[in-house]
Amino acid sequence: PPLRDRGDDLALLAQHLIGAINKRFVGTAGFL
């Protein structure tokens, strides 16, 4: 189903993706 129909999955996925973003940019100047 589309993301809009998976509210609980959305939260888990968003947390996973923000973790991946953090990992990708760790050590980049100015990035927290």
PDB file of all heavy atoms in Angstrom:
ATOM      1  N   PRO A   1       0.840  -1.207   0.000  1.00  0.00           N
ATOM      2  CA  PRO A   1       0.000   0.000   0.000  1.00  0.00           C
ATOM      3  C   PRO A   1       0.874   1.256   0.000  1.00  0.00           C
ATOM      4  O   PRO A   1       2.019   1.228   0.447  1.00  0.00           O
ATOM      5  CB  PRO A   1      -0.789  -0.093   1.300  1.00  0.00           C
ATOM      6  CG  PRO A   1      -0.522  -1.425   1.874  1.00  0.00           C
ATOM      7  CD  PRO A   1       0.679  -1.985   1.217  1.00  0.00           C
ATOM      8  N   PRO A   2       0.327   2.358  -0.476  1.00  0.00           N
ATOM      9  CA  PRO A   2       1.096   3.605  -0.462  1.00  0.00           C
ATOM     10  C   PRO A   2       1.436   4.017   0.974  1.00  0.00           C
ATOM     11  O   PRO A   2       0.743   3.642   1.926  1.00  0.00           O
ATOM     12  CB  PRO A   2       0.171   4.619  -1.137  1.00  0.00           C
ATOM     13  CG  PRO A   2      -1.180   4.010  -1.136  1.00  0.00           C
ATOM     14  CD  PRO A   2      -1.013   2.536  -1.007  1.00  0.00           C
ATOM     15  N   LEU A   3       2.469   4.784   1.091  1.00  0.00           N
ATOM     16  CA  LEU A   3       2.958   5.224   2.403  1.00  0.00           C
ATOM     17  C   LEU A   3       1.871   5.906   3.223  1.00  0.00           C
ATOM     18  O   LEU A   3       1.789   5.718   4.431  1.00  0.00           O
ATOM     19  CB  LEU A   3       4.156   6.160   2.185  1.00  0.00           C
ATOM     20  CG  LEU A   3       5.032   6.486   3.366  1.00  0.00           C
ATOM     21  CD1 LEU A   3       5.530   5.230   4.056  1.00  0.00           C
ATOM     22  CD2 LEU A   3       6.200   7.339   2.926  1.00  0.00           C
ATOM     23  N   ARG A   4       1.005   6.674   2.584  1.00  0.00           N
ATOM     24  CA  ARG A   4      -0.045   7.400   3.306  1.00  0.00           C
ATOM     25  C   ARG A   4      -1.010   6.460   4.031  1.00  0.00           C
ATOM     26  O   ARG A   4      -1.688   6.868   4.967  1.00  0.00           O
ATOM     27  CB  ARG A   4      -0.803   8.319   2.362  1.00  0.00           C
ATOM     28  CG  ARG A   4      -1.629   7.608   1.331  1.00  0.00           C
ATOM     29  CD  ARG A   4      -2.340   8.549   0.364  1.00  0.00           C
ATOM     30  NE  ARG A   4      -2.673   7.874  -0.861  1.00  0.00           N
ATOM     31  CZ  ARG A   4      -1.877   7.752  -1.915  1.00  0.00           C
ATOM     32  NH1 ARG A   4      -0.692   8.298  -1.898  1.00  0.00           N
ATOM     33  NH2 ARG A   4      -2.273   7.116  -2.985  1.00  0.00           N
ATOM     34  N   ASP A   5      -1.065   5.194   3.605  1.00  0.00           N
ATOM     35  CA  ASP A   5      -1.961   4.227   4.229  1.00  0.00           C
ATOM     36  C   ASP A   5      -1.256   3.361   5.267  1.00  0.00           C
ATOM     37  O   ASP A   5      -1.836   2.379   5.745  1.00  0.00           O
ATOM     38  CB  ASP A   5      -2.580   3.311   3.160  1.00  0.00           C
ATOM     39  CG  ASP A   5      -3.488   4.065   2.210  1.00  0.00           C
ATOM     40  OD1 ASP A   5      -3.942   5.186   2.557  1.00  0.00           O
ATOM     41  OD2 ASP A   5      -3.742   3.541   1.105  1.00  0.00           O
ATOM     42  N   ARG A   6      -0.014   3.709   5.614  1.00  0.00           N
ATOM     43  CA  ARG A   6       0.758   2.888   6.553  1.00  0.00           C
ATOM     44  C   ARG A   6       1.355   3.771   7.646  1.00  0.00           C
ATOM     45  O   ARG A   6       2.565   3.909   7.766  1.00  0.00           O
ATOM     46  CB  ARG A   6       1.863   2.147   5.800  1.00  0.00           C
ATOM     47  CG  ARG A   6       1.324   1.234   4.725  1.00  0.00           C
ATOM     48  CD  ARG A   6       2.355   0.360   4.059  1.00  0.00           C
ATOM     49  NE  ARG A   6       3.726   0.785   4.082  1.00  0.00           N
ATOM     50  CZ  ARG A   6       4.404   1.217   3.016  1.00  0.00           C
ATOM     51  NH1 ARG A   6       3.821   1.301   1.848  1.00  0.00           N
ATOM     52  NH2 ARG A   6       5.661   1.548   3.112  1.00  0.00           N
ATOM     53  N   GLY A   7       0.470   4.353   8.467  1.00  0.00           N
ATOM     54  CA  GLY A   7       0.886   5.313   9.492  1.00  0.00           C
ATOM     55  C   GLY A   7       1.976   4.808  10.415  1.00  0.00           C
ATOM     56  O   GLY A   7       2.950   5.509  10.676  1.00  0.00           O
ATOM     57  N   ASP A   8       1.825   3.590  10.953  1.00  0.00           N
ATOM     58  CA  ASP A   8       2.841   3.060  11.866  1.00  0.00           C
ATOM     59  C   ASP A   8       4.156   2.805  11.135  1.00  0.00           C
ATOM     60  O   ASP A   8       5.231   3.030  11.672  1.00  0.00           O
ATOM     61  CB  ASP A   8       2.353   1.776  12.539  1.00  0.00           C
ATOM     62  CG  ASP A   8       1.213   2.047  13.508  1.00  0.00           C
ATOM     63  OD1 ASP A   8       1.068   3.198  13.958  1.00  0.00           O
ATOM     64  OD2 ASP A   8       0.455   1.106  13.802  1.00  0.00           O
ATOM     65  N   ASP A   9       4.065   2.315   9.894  1.00  0.00           N
ATOM     66  CA  ASP A   9       5.272   2.089   9.097  1.00  0.00           C
ATOM     67  C   ASP A   9       5.984   3.399   8.802  1.00  0.00           C
ATOM     68  O   ASP A   9       7.207   3.440   8.739  1.00  0.00           O
ATOM     69  CB  ASP A   9       4.936   1.410   7.766  1.00  0.00           C
ATOM     70  CG  ASP A   9       4.483  -0.030   7.937  1.00  0.00           C
ATOM     71  OD1 ASP A   9       4.594  -0.562   9.047  1.00  0.00           O
ATOM     72  OD2 ASP A   9       4.027  -0.604   6.932  1.00  0.00           O
ATOM     73  N   LEU A  10       5.209   4.453   8.616  1.00  0.00           N
ATOM     74  CA  LEU A  10       5.793   5.751   8.299  1.00  0.00           C
ATOM     75  C   LEU A  10       6.755   6.201   9.400  1.00  0.00           C
ATOM     76  O   LEU A  10       7.870   6.648   9.116  1.00  0.00           O
ATOM     77  CB  LEU A  10       4.708   6.805   8.080  1.00  0.00           C
ATOM     78  CG  LEU A  10       5.282   8.167   7.778  1.00  0.00           C
ATOM     79  CD1 LEU A  10       5.322   8.398   6.282  1.00  0.00           C
ATOM     80  CD2 LEU A  10       4.494   9.245   8.461  1.00  0.00           C
ATOM     81  N   ALA A  11       6.347   6.071  10.650  1.00  0.00           N
ATOM     82  CA  ALA A  11       7.198   6.483  11.766  1.00  0.00           C
ATOM     83  C   ALA A  11       8.482   5.660  11.800  1.00  0.00           C
ATOM     84  O   ALA A  11       9.585   6.209  11.941  1.00  0.00           O
ATOM     85  CB  ALA A  11       6.447   6.366  13.086  1.00  0.00           C
ATOM     86  N   LEU A  12       8.353   4.343  11.652  1.00  0.00           N
ATOM     87  CA  LEU A  12       9.535   3.477  11.654  1.00  0.00           C
ATOM     88  C   LEU A  12      10.451   3.790  10.478  1.00  0.00           C
ATOM     89  O   LEU A  12      11.673   3.852  10.622  1.00  0.00           O
ATOM     90  CB  LEU A  12       9.113   2.006  11.605  1.00  0.00           C
ATOM     91  CG  LEU A  12       8.414   1.467  12.843  1.00  0.00           C
ATOM     92  CD1 LEU A  12       7.833   0.082  12.558  1.00  0.00           C
ATOM     93  CD2 LEU A  12       9.369   1.420  14.012  1.00  0.00           C
ATOM     94  N   LEU A  13       9.865   3.980   9.329  1.00  0.00           N
ATOM     95  CA  LEU A  13      10.648   4.281   8.136  1.00  0.00           C
ATOM     96  C   LEU A  13      11.341   5.640   8.263  1.00  0.00           C
ATOM     97  O   LEU A  13      12.519   5.772   7.919  1.00  0.00           O
ATOM     98  CB  LEU A  13       9.752   4.243   6.898  1.00  0.00           C
ATOM     99  CG  LEU A  13      10.437   4.428   5.568  1.00  0.00           C
ATOM    100  CD1 LEU A  13      11.535   3.385   5.353  1.00  0.00           C
ATOM    101  CD2 LEU A  13       9.408   4.333   4.440  1.00  0.00           C
ATOM    102  N   ALA A  14      10.634   6.624   8.755  1.00  0.00           N
ATOM    103  CA  ALA A  14      11.233   7.953   8.934  1.00  0.00           C
ATOM    104  C   ALA A  14      12.419   7.881   9.899  1.00  0.00           C
ATOM    105  O   ALA A  14      13.464   8.492   9.646  1.00  0.00           O
ATOM    106  CB  ALA A  14      10.184   8.943   9.429  1.00  0.00           C
ATOM    107  N   GLN A  15      12.273   7.135  10.985  1.00  0.00           N
ATOM    108  CA  GLN A  15      13.380   6.982  11.937  1.00  0.00           C
ATOM    109  C   GLN A  15      14.570   6.290  11.277  1.00  0.00           C
ATOM    110  O   GLN A  15      15.716   6.678  11.470  1.00  0.00           O
ATOM    111  CB  GLN A  15      12.922   6.187  13.173  1.00  0.00           C
ATOM    112  CG  GLN A  15      11.918   6.898  14.034  1.00  0.00           C
ATOM    113  CD  GLN A  15      12.480   8.117  14.767  1.00  0.00           C
ATOM    114  OE1 GLN A  15      13.647   8.468  14.674  1.00  0.00           O
ATOM    115  NE2 GLN A  15      11.612   8.786  15.507  1.00  0.00           N
ATOM    116  N   HIS A  16      14.279   5.259  10.489  1.00  0.00           N
ATOM    117  CA  HIS A  16      15.350   4.552   9.778  1.00  0.00           C
ATOM    118  C   HIS A  16      16.057   5.491   8.797  1.00  0.00           C
ATOM    119  O   HIS A  16      17.292   5.512   8.719  1.00  0.00           O
ATOM    120  CB  HIS A  16      14.781   3.336   9.053  1.00  0.00           C
ATOM    121  CG  HIS A  16      15.777   2.675   8.164  1.00  0.00           C
ATOM    122  ND1 HIS A  16      16.775   1.863   8.660  1.00  0.00           N
ATOM    123  CD2 HIS A  16      15.960   2.732   6.824  1.00  0.00           C
ATOM    124  CE1 HIS A  16      17.530   1.441   7.651  1.00  0.00           C
ATOM    125  NE2 HIS A  16      17.051   1.952   6.528  1.00  0.00           N
ATOM    126  N   LEU A  17      15.273   6.242   8.037  1.00  0.00           N
ATOM    127  CA  LEU A  17      15.862   7.127   7.033  1.00  0.00           C
ATOM    128  C   LEU A  17      16.668   8.257   7.663  1.00  0.00           C
ATOM    129  O   LEU A  17      17.735   8.613   7.154  1.00  0.00           O
ATOM    130  CB  LEU A  17      14.767   7.695   6.118  1.00  0.00           C
ATOM    131  CG  LEU A  17      14.070   6.671   5.216  1.00  0.00           C
ATOM    132  CD1 LEU A  17      12.942   7.338   4.428  1.00  0.00           C
ATOM    133  CD2 LEU A  17      15.055   5.985   4.292  1.00  0.00           C
ATOM    134  N   ILE A  18      16.202   8.796   8.780  1.00  0.00           N
ATOM    135  CA  ILE A  18      16.969   9.866   9.432  1.00  0.00           C
ATOM    136  C   ILE A  18      18.273   9.290   9.975  1.00  0.00           C
ATOM    137  O   ILE A  18      19.316   9.953   9.943  1.00  0.00           O
ATOM    138  CB  ILE A  18      16.138  10.605  10.514  1.00  0.00           C
ATOM    139  CG1 ILE A  18      16.672  12.036  10.699  1.00  0.00           C
ATOM    140  CG2 ILE A  18      16.129   9.895  11.838  1.00  0.00           C
ATOM    141  CD1 ILE A  18      16.406  12.963   9.582  1.00  0.00           C
ATOM    142  N   GLY A  19      18.250   8.038  10.400  1.00  0.00           N
ATOM    143  CA  GLY A  19      19.488   7.370  10.814  1.00  0.00           C
ATOM    144  C   GLY A  19      20.453   7.219   9.641  1.00  0.00           C
ATOM    145  O   GLY A  19      21.668   7.425   9.788  1.00  0.00           O
ATOM    146  N   ALA A  20      19.926   6.860   8.471  1.00  0.00           N
ATOM    147  CA  ALA A  20      20.766   6.724   7.283  1.00  0.00           C
ATOM    148  C   ALA A  20      21.335   8.077   6.859  1.00  0.00           C
ATOM    149  O   ALA A  20      22.494   8.174   6.444  1.00  0.00           O
ATOM    150  CB  ALA A  20      19.956   6.103   6.140  1.00  0.00           C
ATOM    151  N   ILE A  21      20.534   9.122   6.978  1.00  0.00           N
ATOM    152  CA  ILE A  21      21.009  10.472   6.652  1.00  0.00           C
ATOM    153  C   ILE A  21      22.113  10.878   7.620  1.00  0.00           C
ATOM    154  O   ILE A  21      23.151  11.401   7.217  1.00  0.00           O
ATOM    155  CB  ILE A  21      19.837  11.474   6.664  1.00  0.00           C
ATOM    156  CG1 ILE A  21      18.919  11.202   5.463  1.00  0.00           C
ATOM    157  CG2 ILE A  21      20.331  12.916   6.670  1.00  0.00           C
ATOM    158  CD1 ILE A  21      17.576  11.906   5.528  1.00  0.00           C
ATOM    159  N   ASN A  22      21.910  10.620   8.901  1.00  0.00           N
ATOM    160  CA  ASN A  22      22.934  10.944   9.895  1.00  0.00           C
ATOM    161  C   ASN A  22      24.240  10.205   9.586  1.00  0.00           C
ATOM    162  O   ASN A  22      25.325  10.792   9.651  1.00  0.00           O
ATOM    163  CB  ASN A  22      22.456  10.586  11.298  1.00  0.00           C
ATOM    164  CG  ASN A  22      21.416  11.550  11.824  1.00  0.00           C
ATOM    165  OD1 ASN A  22      21.325  12.701  11.376  1.00  0.00           O
ATOM    166  ND2 ASN A  22      20.609  11.093  12.757  1.00  0.00           N
ATOM    167  N   LYS A  23      24.127   8.935   9.251  1.00  0.00           N
ATOM    168  CA  LYS A  23      25.316   8.136   8.940  1.00  0.00           C
ATOM    169  C   LYS A  23      26.032   8.682   7.703  1.00  0.00           C
ATOM    170  O   LYS A  23      27.256   8.739   7.656  1.00  0.00           O
ATOM    171  CB  LYS A  23      24.909   6.678   8.725  1.00  0.00           C
ATOM    172  CG  LYS A  23      26.051   5.733   8.530  1.00  0.00           C
ATOM    173  CD  LYS A  23      25.542   4.302   8.434  1.00  0.00           C
ATOM    174  CE  LYS A  23      26.705   3.353   8.208  1.00  0.00           C
ATOM    175  NZ  LYS A  23      26.249   1.969   8.100  1.00  0.00           N
ATOM    176  N   ARG A  24      25.244   9.065   6.720  1.00  0.00           N
ATOM    177  CA  ARG A  24      25.817   9.575   5.461  1.00  0.00           C
ATOM    178  C   ARG A  24      26.585  10.877   5.661  1.00  0.00           C
ATOM    179  O   ARG A  24      27.608  11.103   5.037  1.00  0.00           O
ATOM    180  CB  ARG A  24      24.690   9.772   4.455  1.00  0.00           C
ATOM    181  CG  ARG A  24      25.136  10.284   3.109  1.00  0.00           C
ATOM    182  CD  ARG A  24      23.969  10.327   2.156  1.00  0.00           C
ATOM    183  NE  ARG A  24      24.319  10.913   0.885  1.00  0.00           N
ATOM    184  CZ  ARG A  24      23.461  11.140  -0.075  1.00  0.00           C
ATOM    185  NH1 ARG A  24      22.189  10.811   0.081  1.00  0.00           N
ATOM    186  NH2 ARG A  24      23.842  11.685  -1.196  1.00  0.00           N
ATOM    187  N   PHE A  25      26.088  11.751   6.540  1.00  0.00           N
ATOM    188  CA  PHE A  25      26.681  13.077   6.668  1.00  0.00           C
ATOM    189  C   PHE A  25      27.511  13.268   7.935  1.00  0.00           C
ATOM    190  O   PHE A  25      28.001  14.370   8.189  1.00  0.00           O
ATOM    191  CB  PHE A  25      25.597  14.156   6.578  1.00  0.00           C
ATOM    192  CG  PHE A  25      25.017  14.259   5.207  1.00  0.00           C
ATOM    193  CD1 PHE A  25      23.796  13.694   4.907  1.00  0.00           C
ATOM    194  CD2 PHE A  25      25.720  14.886   4.186  1.00  0.00           C
ATOM    195  CE1 PHE A  25      23.266  13.763   3.628  1.00  0.00           C
ATOM    196  CE2 PHE A  25      25.208  14.965   2.911  1.00  0.00           C
ATOM    197  CZ  PHE A  25      23.979  14.405   2.623  1.00  0.00           C
ATOM    198  N   VAL A  26      27.701  12.209   8.722  1.00  0.00           N
ATOM    199  CA  VAL A  26      28.527  12.332   9.917  1.00  0.00           C
ATOM    200  C   VAL A  26      29.927  12.805   9.504  1.00  0.00           C
ATOM    201  O   VAL A  26      30.481  12.360   8.502  1.00  0.00           O
ATOM    202  CB  VAL A  26      28.585  10.996  10.699  1.00  0.00           C
ATOM    203  CG1 VAL A  26      29.370   9.934   9.964  1.00  0.00           C
ATOM    204  CG2 VAL A  26      29.172  11.218  12.081  1.00  0.00           C
ATOM    205  N   GLY A  27      30.435  13.755  10.217  1.00  0.00           N
ATOM    206  CA  GLY A  27      31.758  14.284   9.896  1.00  0.00           C
ATOM    207  C   GLY A  27      31.744  15.415   8.889  1.00  0.00           C
ATOM    208  O   GLY A  27      32.775  16.036   8.642  1.00  0.00           O
ATOM    209  N   THR A  28      30.592  15.700   8.292  1.00  0.00           N
ATOM    210  CA  THR A  28      30.492  16.821   7.364  1.00  0.00           C
ATOM    211  C   THR A  28      30.477  18.111   8.172  1.00  0.00           C
ATOM    212  O   THR A  28      29.741  18.223   9.162  1.00  0.00           O
ATOM    213  CB  THR A  28      29.199  16.712   6.514  1.00  0.00           C
ATOM    214  OG1 THR A  28      29.225  15.484   5.801  1.00  0.00           O
ATOM    215  CG2 THR A  28      29.074  17.869   5.546  1.00  0.00           C
ATOM    216  N   ALA A  29      31.265  19.064   7.761  1.00  0.00           N
ATOM    217  CA  ALA A  29      31.386  20.337   8.490  1.00  0.00           C
ATOM    218  C   ALA A  29      30.011  20.983   8.683  1.00  0.00           C
ATOM    219  O   ALA A  29      29.255  21.148   7.732  1.00  0.00           O
ATOM    220  CB  ALA A  29      32.310  21.290   7.744  1.00  0.00           C
ATOM    221  N   GLY A  30      29.700  21.317   9.920  1.00  0.00           N
ATOM    222  CA  GLY A  30      28.466  22.007  10.244  1.00  0.00           C
ATOM    223  C   GLY A  30      27.245  21.106  10.408  1.00  0.00           C
ATOM    224  O   GLY A  30      26.183  21.586  10.781  1.00  0.00           O
ATOM    225  N   PHE A  31      27.395  19.821  10.135  1.00  0.00           N
ATOM    226  CA  PHE A  31      26.233  18.925  10.246  1.00  0.00           C
ATOM    227  C   PHE A  31      26.159  18.331  11.641  1.00  0.00           C
ATOM    228  O   PHE A  31      27.133  17.766  12.135  1.00  0.00           O
ATOM    229  CB  PHE A  31      26.296  17.797   9.215  1.00  0.00           C
ATOM    230  CG  PHE A  31      25.122  16.862   9.296  1.00  0.00           C
ATOM    231  CD1 PHE A  31      23.917  17.204   8.708  1.00  0.00           C
ATOM    232  CD2 PHE A  31      25.213  15.661   9.981  1.00  0.00           C
ATOM    233  CE1 PHE A  31      22.821  16.355   8.789  1.00  0.00           C
ATOM    234  CE2 PHE A  31      24.123  14.803  10.072  1.00  0.00           C
ATOM    235  CZ  PHE A  31      22.928  15.150   9.474  1.00  0.00           C
ATOM    236  N   LEU A  32      25.007  18.455  12.256  1.00  0.00           N
ATOM    237  CA  LEU A  32      24.733  17.792  13.530  1.00  0.00           C
ATOM    238  C   LEU A  32      23.754  16.657  13.275  1.00  0.00           C
ATOM    239  O   LEU A  32      22.769  16.848  12.548  1.00  0.00           O
ATOM    240  CB  LEU A  32      24.120  18.774  14.531  1.00  0.00           C
ATOM    241  CG  LEU A  32      25.030  19.900  15.014  1.00  0.00           C
ATOM    242  CD1 LEU A  32      24.245  20.873  15.882  1.00  0.00           C
ATOM    243  CD2 LEU A  32      26.193  19.308  15.807  1.00  0.00           C
TER     244      LEU A  32
END
